[in-house]
Amino acid sequence: MASKNLSAEKRHRQSERRRIQNKSVKSALRTCAKKLVTAVHDKDKTAAETYMRELAKQYDTAARKGIIKLNAAARKKSRMQKLVNTLMA
């Protein structure tokens, strides 16, 4: 960025750092969700419960930090829990 405004340059650097960090967190969320779905399809109850706990924790943390919205985290957790509950039925 070739701005003459020092504060604009700083904001750009900050937003770039945040974008990269947020991208990493979202990628970790998707990876954990895929592991959970795989465990459910393999009918592995213990692994599914473990991944569900981990995924819920990660969603809550991401929502608290503002990486994803609170309702989005709640919706995704609910859908994943419904998927896990199909194993228990």
Protein backbone atom coordinates (compact mmCIF):
# COMPACT_ATOMS: atom_id res chain seq x y z
CA MET A 1 0.00 0.00 0.00
CA ALA A 2 1.47 3.32 -1.06
CA SER A 3 -0.52 5.67 1.13
CA LYS A 4 0.95 8.90 2.47
CA ASN A 5 -1.21 8.57 5.54
CA LEU A 6 0.68 6.77 8.31
CA SER A 7 -2.46 5.77 10.21
CA ALA A 8 -3.92 4.25 7.03
CA GLU A 9 -0.77 2.21 6.53
CA LYS A 10 -0.91 1.00 10.12
CA ARG A 11 -4.60 0.05 9.81
CA HIS A 12 -3.77 -1.87 6.66
CA ARG A 13 -1.00 -3.80 8.43
CA GLN A 14 -3.32 -4.55 11.36
CA SER A 15 -6.19 -5.70 9.17
CA GLU A 16 -3.84 -7.93 7.16
CA ARG A 17 -2.57 -9.61 10.35
CA ARG A 18 -6.12 -10.10 11.60
CA ARG A 19 -7.28 -11.49 8.24
CA ILE A 20 -4.54 -14.12 8.25
CA GLN A 21 -5.26 -15.11 11.87
CA ASN A 22 -9.02 -15.27 11.27
CA LYS A 23 -8.45 -17.39 8.16
CA SER A 24 -6.42 -19.84 10.25
CA VAL A 25 -9.16 -20.12 12.90
CA LYS A 26 -11.90 -20.65 10.29
CA SER A 27 -9.80 -23.32 8.60
CA ALA A 28 -9.33 -25.13 11.93
CA LEU A 29 -13.12 -25.00 12.47
CA ARG A 30 -13.78 -26.58 9.08
CA THR A 31 -11.14 -29.26 9.69
CA CYS A 32 -12.66 -30.20 13.05
CA ALA A 33 -16.15 -30.26 11.51
CA LYS A 34 -14.94 -32.63 8.78
CA LYS A 35 -13.41 -34.94 11.40
CA LEU A 36 -16.72 -34.97 13.27
CA VAL A 37 -18.73 -35.78 10.14
CA THR A 38 -16.29 -38.57 9.26
CA ALA A 39 -16.56 -40.03 12.78
CA VAL A 40 -20.37 -39.97 12.58
CA HIS A 41 -20.39 -41.66 9.16
CA ASP A 42 -17.99 -44.30 10.52
CA LYS A 43 -20.40 -44.74 13.47
CA ASP A 44 -17.63 -44.08 16.01
CA LYS A 45 -19.51 -42.76 19.07
CA THR A 46 -16.53 -41.96 21.28
CA ALA A 47 -14.65 -40.08 18.57
CA ALA A 48 -17.80 -38.21 17.57
CA GLU A 49 -18.42 -37.09 21.16
CA THR A 50 -14.79 -36.00 21.54
CA TYR A 51 -14.83 -34.04 18.28
CA MET A 52 -18.18 -32.49 19.18
CA ARG A 53 -16.82 -31.16 22.48
CA GLU A 54 -13.74 -29.80 20.73
CA LEU A 55 -15.79 -28.26 17.92
CA ALA A 56 -18.23 -26.59 20.32
CA LYS A 57 -15.31 -25.11 22.24
CA GLN A 58 -13.72 -23.80 19.05
CA TYR A 59 -17.00 -22.30 17.80
CA ASP A 60 -17.59 -20.58 21.15
CA THR A 61 -14.08 -19.15 21.16
CA ALA A 62 -14.34 -17.91 17.57
CA ALA A 63 -17.70 -16.29 18.32
CA ARG A 64 -16.40 -14.65 21.48
CA LYS A 65 -13.47 -13.17 19.56
CA GLY A 66 -15.76 -11.92 16.79
CA ILE A 67 -14.33 -14.16 14.06
CA ILE A 68 -17.79 -15.56 13.38
CA LYS A 69 -21.13 -14.25 14.60
CA LEU A 70 -22.75 -15.65 17.73
CA ASN A 71 -25.85 -16.90 15.91
CA ALA A 72 -23.74 -18.55 13.22
CA ALA A 73 -21.77 -20.43 15.89
CA ALA A 74 -24.98 -21.49 17.65
CA ARG A 75 -26.55 -22.64 14.38
CA LYS A 76 -23.52 -24.70 13.35
CA LYS A 77 -23.16 -26.25 16.81
CA SER A 78 -26.84 -27.18 16.77
CA ARG A 79 -26.61 -28.83 13.36
CA MET A 80 -23.52 -30.79 14.34
CA GLN A 81 -25.15 -31.90 17.61
CA LYS A 82 -28.19 -33.13 15.67
CA LEU A 83 -25.82 -35.14 13.49
CA VAL A 84 -24.14 -36.67 16.55
CA ASN A 85 -27.55 -37.44 18.08
CA THR A 86 -28.37 -39.68 15.10
CA LEU A 87 -25.68 -42.06 16.43
CA MET A 88 -27.26 -42.17 19.87
CA ALA A 89 -30.76 -43.00 18.60
